[in-house]
Amino acid sequence: MGEVRRIKVNKSVTKNKLLDYGFRYKENGDYRLYVPIYKWNDKTTIYAYFYINMEENIFTYDIQSEGSTYYPYYNETNSEVNRIITENINTEIIKLIKKGILKTYENN
């Protein structure tokens, strides 16, 4: 499913920076960002929710379609749709890194 990145929340990120980027507060310290990642006939059919937990400095995301988890993505099949989804997720992660919200790290 493409390159696996080691990513964490930048410790200097603030809630205002998340809100300015488009994140919305959900609950329990979680901020959520809606990211359309696949369109069919000009309509978003698959999207990601990016989550950042400010209290625990954790970044996660969930791929969904029509309100529930999009399981074919997690099946790790080599499909064209999964390739596009992975590209779009990576593009958004790179934007978040450039904005200083996320950062990459190495296990040492």
PDB file of N, CA and C in Angstrom:
ATOM      1  N   MET A   1       0.812  -1.186   0.000  1.00  0.00           N
ATOM      2  CA  MET A   1       0.000   0.000   0.000  1.00  0.00           C
ATOM      3  C   MET A   1       0.856   1.249   0.000  1.00  0.00           C
ATOM      4  N   GLY A   2       2.005   1.175  -0.518  1.00  0.00           N
ATOM      5  CA  GLY A   2       2.831   2.364  -0.592  1.00  0.00           C
ATOM      6  C   GLY A   2       3.787   2.474   0.565  1.00  0.00           C
ATOM      7  N   GLU A   3       4.439   3.597   0.593  1.00  0.00           N
ATOM      8  CA  GLU A   3       5.467   3.882   1.582  1.00  0.00           C
ATOM      9  C   GLU A   3       4.846   4.099   2.961  1.00  0.00           C
ATOM     10  N   VAL A   4       5.440   3.474   3.972  1.00  0.00           N
ATOM     11  CA  VAL A   4       4.986   3.672   5.338  1.00  0.00           C
ATOM     12  C   VAL A   4       5.859   4.744   5.970  1.00  0.00           C
ATOM     13  N   ARG A   5       5.238   5.766   6.470  1.00  0.00           N
ATOM     14  CA  ARG A   5       5.967   6.865   7.106  1.00  0.00           C
ATOM     15  C   ARG A   5       5.784   6.785   8.609  1.00  0.00           C
ATOM     16  N   ARG A   6       6.822   7.138   9.315  1.00  0.00           N
ATOM     17  CA  ARG A   6       6.724   7.279  10.764  1.00  0.00           C
ATOM     18  C   ARG A   6       6.430   8.753  11.020  1.00  0.00           C
ATOM     19  N   ILE A   7       5.246   8.992  11.543  1.00  0.00           N
ATOM     20  CA  ILE A   7       4.766  10.366  11.685  1.00  0.00           C
ATOM     21  C   ILE A   7       4.268  10.575  13.102  1.00  0.00           C
ATOM     22  N   LYS A   8       4.535  11.757  13.612  1.00  0.00           N
ATOM     23  CA  LYS A   8       3.974  12.115  14.907  1.00  0.00           C
ATOM     24  C   LYS A   8       3.560  13.580  14.878  1.00  0.00           C
ATOM     25  N   VAL A   9       2.804  13.954  15.883  1.00  0.00           N
ATOM     26  CA  VAL A   9       2.339  15.329  15.996  1.00  0.00           C
ATOM     27  C   VAL A   9       3.515  16.188  16.450  1.00  0.00           C
ATOM     28  N   ASN A  10       3.677  17.320  15.799  1.00  0.00           N
ATOM     29  CA  ASN A  10       4.713  18.265  16.194  1.00  0.00           C
ATOM     30  C   ASN A  10       4.341  18.832  17.568  1.00  0.00           C
ATOM     31  N   LYS A  11       5.248  18.756  18.515  1.00  0.00           N
ATOM     32  CA  LYS A  11       4.942  19.188  19.887  1.00  0.00           C
ATOM     33  C   LYS A  11       4.566  20.662  19.976  1.00  0.00           C
ATOM     34  N   SER A  12       5.013  21.458  19.024  1.00  0.00           N
ATOM     35  CA  SER A  12       4.723  22.897  19.078  1.00  0.00           C
ATOM     36  C   SER A  12       3.358  23.264  18.492  1.00  0.00           C
ATOM     37  N   VAL A  13       2.618  22.292  17.970  1.00  0.00           N
ATOM     38  CA  VAL A  13       1.327  22.594  17.352  1.00  0.00           C
ATOM     39  C   VAL A  13       0.328  23.037  18.428  1.00  0.00           C
ATOM     40  N   THR A  14      -0.506  23.996  18.060  1.00  0.00           N
ATOM     41  CA  THR A  14      -1.523  24.507  18.984  1.00  0.00           C
ATOM     42  C   THR A  14      -2.913  24.182  18.447  1.00  0.00           C
ATOM     43  N   LYS A  15      -3.900  24.279  19.329  1.00  0.00           N
ATOM     44  CA  LYS A  15      -5.269  24.021  18.872  1.00  0.00           C
ATOM     45  C   LYS A  15      -5.686  25.051  17.831  1.00  0.00           C
ATOM     46  N   ASN A  16      -5.220  26.294  17.969  1.00  0.00           N
ATOM     47  CA  ASN A  16      -5.559  27.320  16.976  1.00  0.00           C
ATOM     48  C   ASN A  16      -4.977  26.988  15.611  1.00  0.00           C
ATOM     49  N   LYS A  17      -3.776  26.430  15.580  1.00  0.00           N
ATOM     50  CA  LYS A  17      -3.169  26.039  14.308  1.00  0.00           C
ATOM     51  C   LYS A  17      -3.997  24.931  13.651  1.00  0.00           C
ATOM     52  N   LEU A  18      -4.473  23.985  14.456  1.00  0.00           N
ATOM     53  CA  LEU A  18      -5.325  22.913  13.924  1.00  0.00           C
ATOM     54  C   LEU A  18      -6.637  23.483  13.392  1.00  0.00           C
ATOM     55  N   LEU A  19      -7.259  24.354  14.161  1.00  0.00           N
ATOM     56  CA  LEU A  19      -8.532  24.949  13.737  1.00  0.00           C
ATOM     57  C   LEU A  19      -8.357  25.782  12.474  1.00  0.00           C
ATOM     58  N   ASP A  20      -7.266  26.537  12.390  1.00  0.00           N
ATOM     59  CA  ASP A  20      -6.998  27.343  11.192  1.00  0.00           C
ATOM     60  C   ASP A  20      -6.808  26.472   9.959  1.00  0.00           C
ATOM     61  N   TYR A  21      -6.247  25.277  10.134  1.00  0.00           N
ATOM     62  CA  TYR A  21      -6.021  24.373   9.010  1.00  0.00           C
ATOM     63  C   TYR A  21      -7.332  23.724   8.549  1.00  0.00           C
ATOM     64  N   GLY A  22      -8.316  23.635   9.439  1.00  0.00           N
ATOM     65  CA  GLY A  22      -9.596  23.028   9.081  1.00  0.00           C
ATOM     66  C   GLY A  22     -10.028  21.904  10.005  1.00  0.00           C
ATOM     67  N   PHE A  23      -9.205  21.567  10.977  1.00  0.00           N
ATOM     68  CA  PHE A  23      -9.595  20.558  11.962  1.00  0.00           C
ATOM     69  C   PHE A  23     -10.737  21.104  12.806  1.00  0.00           C
ATOM     70  N   ARG A  24     -11.571  20.209  13.285  1.00  0.00           N
ATOM     71  CA  ARG A  24     -12.656  20.562  14.191  1.00  0.00           C
ATOM     72  C   ARG A  24     -12.519  19.707  15.443  1.00  0.00           C
ATOM     73  N   TYR A  25     -12.841  20.314  16.592  1.00  0.00           N
ATOM     74  CA  TYR A  25     -12.760  19.555  17.839  1.00  0.00           C
ATOM     75  C   TYR A  25     -13.868  18.519  17.867  1.00  0.00           C
ATOM     76  N   LYS A  26     -13.509  17.279  18.195  1.00  0.00           N
ATOM     77  CA  LYS A  26     -14.497  16.218  18.278  1.00  0.00           C
ATOM     78  C   LYS A  26     -14.832  15.946  19.743  1.00  0.00           C
ATOM     79  N   GLU A  27     -13.914  15.320  20.462  1.00  0.00           N
ATOM     80  CA  GLU A  27     -14.096  15.049  21.892  1.00  0.00           C
ATOM     81  C   GLU A  27     -12.833  14.409  22.447  1.00  0.00           C
ATOM     82  N   ASN A  28     -12.702  14.412  23.752  1.00  0.00           N
ATOM     83  CA  ASN A  28     -11.584  13.756  24.447  1.00  0.00           C
ATOM     84  C   ASN A  28     -10.213  14.152  23.912  1.00  0.00           C
ATOM     85  N   GLY A  29     -10.054  15.400  23.535  1.00  0.00           N
ATOM     86  CA  GLY A  29      -8.760  15.865  23.040  1.00  0.00           C
ATOM     87  C   GLY A  29      -8.521  15.613  21.567  1.00  0.00           C
ATOM     88  N   ASP A  30      -9.481  14.974  20.880  1.00  0.00           N
ATOM     89  CA  ASP A  30      -9.328  14.662  19.454  1.00  0.00           C
ATOM     90  C   ASP A  30      -9.822  15.807  18.575  1.00  0.00           C
ATOM     91  N   TYR A  31      -9.006  16.153  17.598  1.00  0.00           N
ATOM     92  CA  TYR A  31      -9.388  17.083  16.540  1.00  0.00           C
ATOM     93  C   TYR A  31      -9.477  16.271  15.257  1.00  0.00           C
ATOM     94  N   ARG A  32     -10.492  16.546  14.440  1.00  0.00           N
ATOM     95  CA  ARG A  32     -10.739  15.740  13.245  1.00  0.00           C
ATOM     96  C   ARG A  32     -10.777  16.626  12.006  1.00  0.00           C
ATOM     97  N   LEU A  33     -10.162  16.121  10.932  1.00  0.00           N
ATOM     98  CA  LEU A  33     -10.153  16.810   9.640  1.00  0.00           C
ATOM     99  C   LEU A  33     -10.751  15.888   8.587  1.00  0.00           C
ATOM    100  N   TYR A  34     -11.727  16.386   7.842  1.00  0.00           N
ATOM    101  CA  TYR A  34     -12.335  15.649   6.731  1.00  0.00           C
ATOM    102  C   TYR A  34     -11.508  15.908   5.480  1.00  0.00           C
ATOM    103  N   VAL A  35     -11.073  14.819   4.813  1.00  0.00           N
ATOM    104  CA  VAL A  35     -10.259  14.942   3.604  1.00  0.00           C
ATOM    105  C   VAL A  35     -10.860  14.065   2.506  1.00  0.00           C
ATOM    106  N   PRO A  36     -11.449  14.662   1.450  1.00  0.00           N
ATOM    107  CA  PRO A  36     -11.927  13.843   0.334  1.00  0.00           C
ATOM    108  C   PRO A  36     -10.728  13.229  -0.383  1.00  0.00           C
ATOM    109  N   ILE A  37     -10.766  11.906  -0.616  1.00  0.00           N
ATOM    110  CA  ILE A  37      -9.590  11.263  -1.217  1.00  0.00           C
ATOM    111  C   ILE A  37      -9.890  10.462  -2.475  1.00  0.00           C
ATOM    112  N   TYR A  38     -11.163  10.279  -2.799  1.00  0.00           N
ATOM    113  CA  TYR A  38     -11.480   9.586  -4.050  1.00  0.00           C
ATOM    114  C   TYR A  38     -12.842  10.056  -4.538  1.00  0.00           C
ATOM    115  N   LYS A  39     -12.898  10.422  -5.803  1.00  0.00           N
ATOM    116  CA  LYS A  39     -14.160  10.872  -6.402  1.00  0.00           C
ATOM    117  C   LYS A  39     -14.546   9.951  -7.548  1.00  0.00           C
ATOM    118  N   TRP A  40     -15.843   9.763  -7.695  1.00  0.00           N
ATOM    119  CA  TRP A  40     -16.403   9.013  -8.809  1.00  0.00           C
ATOM    120  C   TRP A  40     -17.506   9.875  -9.403  1.00  0.00           C
ATOM    121  N   ASN A  41     -17.424  10.146 -10.697  1.00  0.00           N
ATOM    122  CA  ASN A  41     -18.387  11.034 -11.361  1.00  0.00           C
ATOM    123  C   ASN A  41     -18.511  12.377 -10.638  1.00  0.00           C
ATOM    124  N   ASP A  42     -17.377  12.928 -10.258  1.00  0.00           N
ATOM    125  CA  ASP A  42     -17.272  14.245  -9.619  1.00  0.00           C
ATOM    126  C   ASP A  42     -17.919  14.316  -8.235  1.00  0.00           C
ATOM    127  N   LYS A  43     -18.143  13.171  -7.606  1.00  0.00           N
ATOM    128  CA  LYS A  43     -18.717  13.125  -6.264  1.00  0.00           C
ATOM    129  C   LYS A  43     -17.751  12.373  -5.349  1.00  0.00           C
ATOM    130  N   THR A  44     -17.471  12.947  -4.172  1.00  0.00           N
ATOM    131  CA  THR A  44     -16.599  12.265  -3.215  1.00  0.00           C
ATOM    132  C   THR A  44     -17.285  11.000  -2.734  1.00  0.00           C
ATOM    133  N   THR A  45     -16.637   9.861  -2.958  1.00  0.00           N
ATOM    134  CA  THR A  45     -17.200   8.589  -2.522  1.00  0.00           C
ATOM    135  C   THR A  45     -16.377   7.943  -1.413  1.00  0.00           C
ATOM    136  N   ILE A  46     -15.103   8.299  -1.326  1.00  0.00           N
ATOM    137  CA  ILE A  46     -14.231   7.786  -0.271  1.00  0.00           C
ATOM    138  C   ILE A  46     -13.501   8.978   0.336  1.00  0.00           C
ATOM    139  N   TYR A  47     -13.447   9.007   1.640  1.00  0.00           N
ATOM    140  CA  TYR A  47     -12.815  10.130   2.325  1.00  0.00           C
ATOM    141  C   TYR A  47     -12.055   9.620   3.546  1.00  0.00           C
ATOM    142  N   ALA A  48     -11.195  10.469   4.050  1.00  0.00           N
ATOM    143  CA  ALA A  48     -10.436  10.135   5.254  1.00  0.00           C
ATOM    144  C   ALA A  48     -10.798  11.120   6.347  1.00  0.00           C
ATOM    145  N   TYR A  49     -10.794  10.622   7.554  1.00  0.00           N
ATOM    146  CA  TYR A  49     -10.807  11.482   8.725  1.00  0.00           C
ATOM    147  C   TYR A  49      -9.421  11.390   9.333  1.00  0.00           C
ATOM    148  N   PHE A  50      -8.750  12.523   9.428  1.00  0.00           N
ATOM    149  CA  PHE A  50      -7.457  12.600  10.097  1.00  0.00           C
ATOM    150  C   PHE A  50      -7.735  13.046  11.530  1.00  0.00           C
ATOM    151  N   TYR A  51      -7.154  12.334  12.483  1.00  0.00           N
ATOM    152  CA  TYR A  51      -7.342  12.654  13.893  1.00  0.00           C
ATOM    153  C   TYR A  51      -6.013  13.049  14.524  1.00  0.00           C
ATOM    154  N   ILE A  52      -6.045  14.105  15.302  1.00  0.00           N
ATOM    155  CA  ILE A  52      -4.896  14.487  16.116  1.00  0.00           C
ATOM    156  C   ILE A  52      -5.395  14.621  17.543  1.00  0.00           C
ATOM    157  N   ASN A  53      -4.748  13.888  18.444  1.00  0.00           N
ATOM    158  CA  ASN A  53      -5.064  14.001  19.855  1.00  0.00           C
ATOM    159  C   ASN A  53      -4.008  14.880  20.499  1.00  0.00           C
ATOM    160  N   MET A  54      -4.421  16.045  20.957  1.00  0.00           N
ATOM    161  CA  MET A  54      -3.498  17.026  21.528  1.00  0.00           C
ATOM    162  C   MET A  54      -2.941  16.570  22.876  1.00  0.00           C
ATOM    163  N   GLU A  55      -3.738  15.857  23.654  1.00  0.00           N
ATOM    164  CA  GLU A  55      -3.296  15.432  24.979  1.00  0.00           C
ATOM    165  C   GLU A  55      -2.215  14.361  24.895  1.00  0.00           C
ATOM    166  N   GLU A  56      -2.346  13.457  23.932  1.00  0.00           N
ATOM    167  CA  GLU A  56      -1.404  12.343  23.821  1.00  0.00           C
ATOM    168  C   GLU A  56      -0.443  12.485  22.643  1.00  0.00           C
ATOM    169  N   ASN A  57      -0.555  13.573  21.874  1.00  0.00           N
ATOM    170  CA  ASN A  57       0.292  13.808  20.692  1.00  0.00           C
ATOM    171  C   ASN A  57       0.262  12.628  19.716  1.00  0.00           C
ATOM    172  N   ILE A  58      -0.938  12.185  19.375  1.00  0.00           N
ATOM    173  CA  ILE A  58      -1.105  11.032  18.491  1.00  0.00           C
ATOM    174  C   ILE A  58      -1.807  11.466  17.206  1.00  0.00           C
ATOM    175  N   PHE A  59      -1.310  10.946  16.063  1.00  0.00           N
ATOM    176  CA  PHE A  59      -1.935  11.169  14.757  1.00  0.00           C
ATOM    177  C   PHE A  59      -2.411   9.830  14.213  1.00  0.00           C
ATOM    178  N   THR A  60      -3.662   9.759  13.794  1.00  0.00           N
ATOM    179  CA  THR A  60      -4.205   8.567  13.144  1.00  0.00           C
ATOM    180  C   THR A  60      -5.150   9.020  12.037  1.00  0.00           C
ATOM    181  N   TYR A  61      -5.515   8.081  11.179  1.00  0.00           N
ATOM    182  CA  TYR A  61      -6.551   8.388  10.196  1.00  0.00           C
ATOM    183  C   TYR A  61      -7.374   7.149   9.921  1.00  0.00           C
ATOM    184  N   ASP A  62      -8.568   7.386   9.393  1.00  0.00           N
ATOM    185  CA  ASP A  62      -9.521   6.328   9.095  1.00  0.00           C
ATOM    186  C   ASP A  62     -10.090   6.595   7.711  1.00  0.00           C
ATOM    187  N   ILE A  63     -10.124   5.565   6.868  1.00  0.00           N
ATOM    188  CA  ILE A  63     -10.676   5.684   5.521  1.00  0.00           C
ATOM    189  C   ILE A  63     -12.134   5.229   5.564  1.00  0.00           C
ATOM    190  N   GLN A  64     -13.035   6.071   5.029  1.00  0.00           N
ATOM    191  CA  GLN A  64     -14.454   5.758   5.086  1.00  0.00           C
ATOM    192  C   GLN A  64     -15.146   5.988   3.753  1.00  0.00           C
ATOM    193  N   SER A  65     -16.277   5.314   3.612  1.00  0.00           N
ATOM    194  CA  SER A  65     -17.161   5.508   2.469  1.00  0.00           C
ATOM    195  C   SER A  65     -18.588   5.383   2.974  1.00  0.00           C
ATOM    196  N   GLU A  66     -19.394   6.369   2.674  1.00  0.00           N
ATOM    197  CA  GLU A  66     -20.801   6.383   3.072  1.00  0.00           C
ATOM    198  C   GLU A  66     -20.997   6.158   4.565  1.00  0.00           C
ATOM    199  N   GLY A  67     -20.131   6.743   5.373  1.00  0.00           N
ATOM    200  CA  GLY A  67     -20.312   6.719   6.814  1.00  0.00           C
ATOM    201  C   GLY A  67     -19.746   5.535   7.563  1.00  0.00           C
ATOM    202  N   SER A  68     -19.106   4.612   6.871  1.00  0.00           N
ATOM    203  CA  SER A  68     -18.500   3.485   7.579  1.00  0.00           C
ATOM    204  C   SER A  68     -17.112   3.197   7.008  1.00  0.00           C
ATOM    205  N   THR A  69     -16.357   2.400   7.720  1.00  0.00           N
ATOM    206  CA  THR A  69     -14.987   2.090   7.313  1.00  0.00           C
ATOM    207  C   THR A  69     -14.962   1.477   5.925  1.00  0.00           C
ATOM    208  N   TYR A  70     -14.039   1.942   5.100  1.00  0.00           N
ATOM    209  CA  TYR A  70     -13.866   1.419   3.743  1.00  0.00           C
ATOM    210  C   TYR A  70     -12.878   0.259   3.813  1.00  0.00           C
ATOM    211  N   TYR A  71     -13.402  -0.943   4.059  1.00  0.00           N
ATOM    212  CA  TYR A  71     -12.564  -2.115   4.312  1.00  0.00           C
ATOM    213  C   TYR A  71     -11.670  -2.537   3.150  1.00  0.00           C
ATOM    214  N   PRO A  72     -12.058  -2.359   1.888  1.00  0.00           N
ATOM    215  CA  PRO A  72     -11.140  -2.761   0.808  1.00  0.00           C
ATOM    216  C   PRO A  72      -9.777  -2.079   0.893  1.00  0.00           C
ATOM    217  N   TYR A  73      -9.707  -0.867   1.455  1.00  0.00           N
ATOM    218  CA  TYR A  73      -8.417  -0.192   1.584  1.00  0.00           C
ATOM    219  C   TYR A  73      -7.518  -0.939   2.565  1.00  0.00           C
ATOM    220  N   TYR A  74      -8.090  -1.442   3.631  1.00  0.00           N
ATOM    221  CA  TYR A  74      -7.312  -2.128   4.660  1.00  0.00           C
ATOM    222  C   TYR A  74      -6.983  -3.562   4.278  1.00  0.00           C
ATOM    223  N   ASN A  75      -7.583  -4.052   3.207  1.00  0.00           N
ATOM    224  CA  ASN A  75      -7.326  -5.401   2.711  1.00  0.00           C
ATOM    225  C   ASN A  75      -5.972  -5.494   2.015  1.00  0.00           C
ATOM    226  N   GLU A  76      -5.372  -4.362   1.699  1.00  0.00           N
ATOM    227  CA  GLU A  76      -4.058  -4.259   1.066  1.00  0.00           C
ATOM    228  C   GLU A  76      -3.985  -4.931  -0.308  1.00  0.00           C
ATOM    229  N   THR A  77      -5.066  -4.880  -1.040  1.00  0.00           N
ATOM    230  CA  THR A  77      -5.029  -5.385  -2.407  1.00  0.00           C
ATOM    231  C   THR A  77      -4.392  -4.337  -3.301  1.00  0.00           C
ATOM    232  N   ASN A  78      -3.833  -4.776  -4.387  1.00  0.00           N
ATOM    233  CA  ASN A  78      -3.219  -3.840  -5.330  1.00  0.00           C
ATOM    234  C   ASN A  78      -4.260  -3.378  -6.334  1.00  0.00           C
ATOM    235  N   SER A  79      -5.087  -2.450  -5.924  1.00  0.00           N
ATOM    236  CA  SER A  79      -6.096  -1.926  -6.837  1.00  0.00           C
ATOM    237  C   SER A  79      -5.758  -0.489  -7.197  1.00  0.00           C
ATOM    238  N   GLU A  80      -6.271  -0.041  -8.300  1.00  0.00           N
ATOM    239  CA  GLU A  80      -6.057   1.338  -8.740  1.00  0.00           C
ATOM    240  C   GLU A  80      -6.674   2.319  -7.740  1.00  0.00           C
ATOM    241  N   VAL A  81      -7.825   1.972  -7.189  1.00  0.00           N
ATOM    242  CA  VAL A  81      -8.479   2.839  -6.210  1.00  0.00           C
ATOM    243  C   VAL A  81      -7.587   2.994  -4.976  1.00  0.00           C
ATOM    244  N   ASN A  82      -7.034   1.891  -4.477  1.00  0.00           N
ATOM    245  CA  ASN A  82      -6.163   1.967  -3.305  1.00  0.00           C
ATOM    246  C   ASN A  82      -4.908   2.780  -3.588  1.00  0.00           C
ATOM    247  N   ARG A  83      -4.382   2.700  -4.790  1.00  0.00           N
ATOM    248  CA  ARG A  83      -3.200   3.489  -5.155  1.00  0.00           C
ATOM    249  C   ARG A  83      -3.531   4.981  -5.097  1.00  0.00           C
ATOM    250  N   ILE A  84      -4.689   5.346  -5.634  1.00  0.00           N
ATOM    251  CA  ILE A  84      -5.114   6.750  -5.627  1.00  0.00           C
ATOM    252  C   ILE A  84      -5.354   7.231  -4.195  1.00  0.00           C
ATOM    253  N   ILE A  85      -5.999   6.401  -3.390  1.00  0.00           N
ATOM    254  CA  ILE A  85      -6.245   6.750  -1.990  1.00  0.00           C
ATOM    255  C   ILE A  85      -4.922   7.003  -1.273  1.00  0.00           C
ATOM    256  N   THR A  86      -3.965   6.100  -1.437  1.00  0.00           N
ATOM    257  CA  THR A  86      -2.662   6.235  -0.780  1.00  0.00           C
ATOM    258  C   THR A  86      -1.948   7.502  -1.229  1.00  0.00           C
ATOM    259  N   GLU A  87      -1.980   7.792  -2.523  1.00  0.00           N
ATOM    260  CA  GLU A  87      -1.362   9.025  -3.033  1.00  0.00           C
ATOM    261  C   GLU A  87      -1.994  10.261  -2.396  1.00  0.00           C
ATOM    262  N   ASN A  88      -3.316  10.280  -2.313  1.00  0.00           N
ATOM    263  CA  ASN A  88      -4.008  11.441  -1.758  1.00  0.00           C
ATOM    264  C   ASN A  88      -3.778  11.593  -0.255  1.00  0.00           C
ATOM    265  N   ILE A  89      -3.695  10.482   0.457  1.00  0.00           N
ATOM    266  CA  ILE A  89      -3.373  10.538   1.887  1.00  0.00           C
ATOM    267  C   ILE A  89      -1.966  11.090   2.076  1.00  0.00           C
ATOM    268  N   ASN A  90      -1.011  10.568   1.312  1.00  0.00           N
ATOM    269  CA  ASN A  90       0.373  11.049   1.416  1.00  0.00           C
ATOM    270  C   ASN A  90       0.482  12.529   1.077  1.00  0.00           C
ATOM    271  N   THR A  91      -0.264  12.981   0.074  1.00  0.00           N
ATOM    272  CA  THR A  91      -0.260  14.398  -0.294  1.00  0.00           C
ATOM    273  C   THR A  91      -0.736  15.261   0.872  1.00  0.00           C
ATOM    274  N   GLU A  92      -1.809  14.839   1.522  1.00  0.00           N
ATOM    275  CA  GLU A  92      -2.332  15.614   2.655  1.00  0.00           C
ATOM    276  C   GLU A  92      -1.366  15.577   3.837  1.00  0.00           C
ATOM    277  N   ILE A  93      -0.743  14.440   4.084  1.00  0.00           N
ATOM    278  CA  ILE A  93       0.232  14.344   5.175  1.00  0.00           C
ATOM    279  C   ILE A  93       1.413  15.276   4.916  1.00  0.00           C
ATOM    280  N   ILE A  94       1.874  15.339   3.678  1.00  0.00           N
ATOM    281  CA  ILE A  94       2.976  16.244   3.325  1.00  0.00           C
ATOM    282  C   ILE A  94       2.575  17.698   3.592  1.00  0.00           C
ATOM    283  N   LYS A  95       1.327  18.059   3.265  1.00  0.00           N
ATOM    284  CA  LYS A  95       0.843  19.417   3.551  1.00  0.00           C
ATOM    285  C   LYS A  95       0.871  19.698   5.055  1.00  0.00           C
ATOM    286  N   LEU A  96       0.453  18.712   5.846  1.00  0.00           N
ATOM    287  CA  LEU A  96       0.444  18.882   7.299  1.00  0.00           C
ATOM    288  C   LEU A  96       1.860  19.009   7.856  1.00  0.00           C
ATOM    289  N   ILE A  97       2.804  18.307   7.247  1.00  0.00           N
ATOM    290  CA  ILE A  97       4.209  18.420   7.656  1.00  0.00           C
ATOM    291  C   ILE A  97       4.735  19.811   7.316  1.00  0.00           C
ATOM    292  N   LYS A  98       4.441  20.282   6.101  1.00  0.00           N
ATOM    293  CA  LYS A  98       4.905  21.614   5.687  1.00  0.00           C
ATOM    294  C   LYS A  98       4.324  22.724   6.557  1.00  0.00           C
ATOM    295  N   LYS A  99       3.112  22.525   7.066  1.00  0.00           N
ATOM    296  CA  LYS A  99       2.481  23.520   7.944  1.00  0.00           C
ATOM    297  C   LYS A  99       2.982  23.416   9.385  1.00  0.00           C
ATOM    298  N   GLY A 100       3.805  22.410   9.669  1.00  0.00           N
ATOM    299  CA  GLY A 100       4.353  22.254  11.015  1.00  0.00           C
ATOM    300  C   GLY A 100       3.420  21.564  11.986  1.00  0.00           C
ATOM    301  N   ILE A 101       2.368  20.931  11.480  1.00  0.00           N
ATOM    302  CA  ILE A 101       1.416  20.227  12.340  1.00  0.00           C
ATOM    303  C   ILE A 101       1.923  18.824  12.652  1.00  0.00           C
ATOM    304  N   LEU A 102       2.457  18.152  11.649  1.00  0.00           N
ATOM    305  CA  LEU A 102       3.037  16.818  11.816  1.00  0.00           C
ATOM    306  C   LEU A 102       4.526  16.876  11.520  1.00  0.00           C
ATOM    307  N   LYS A 103       5.240  15.836  11.934  1.00  0.00           N
ATOM    308  CA  LYS A 103       6.640  15.716  11.548  1.00  0.00           C
ATOM    309  C   LYS A 103       6.995  14.244  11.435  1.00  0.00           C
ATOM    310  N   THR A 104       7.995  13.968  10.623  1.00  0.00           N
ATOM    311  CA  THR A 104       8.471  12.598  10.471  1.00  0.00           C
ATOM    312  C   THR A 104       9.565  12.355  11.496  1.00  0.00           C
ATOM    313  N   TYR A 105       9.757  11.089  11.813  1.00  0.00           N
ATOM    314  CA  TYR A 105      10.819  10.744  12.752  1.00  0.00           C
ATOM    315  C   TYR A 105      11.394   9.388  12.390  1.00  0.00           C
ATOM    316  N   GLU A 106      12.541   9.095  12.951  1.00  0.00           N
ATOM    317  CA  GLU A 106      13.210   7.815  12.739  1.00  0.00           C
ATOM    318  C   GLU A 106      13.302   7.100  14.072  1.00  0.00           C
ATOM    319  N   ASN A 107      13.195   5.787  14.043  1.00  0.00           N
ATOM    320  CA  ASN A 107      13.409   5.000  15.258  1.00  0.00           C
ATOM    321  C   ASN A 107      14.893   4.872  15.501  1.00  0.00           C
ATOM    322  N   ASN A 108      15.373   5.407  16.569  1.00  0.00           N
ATOM    323  CA  ASN A 108      16.791   5.302  16.938  1.00  0.00           C
ATOM    324  C   ASN A 108      16.906   4.784  18.343  1.00  0.00           C
TER     325      ASN A 108
END
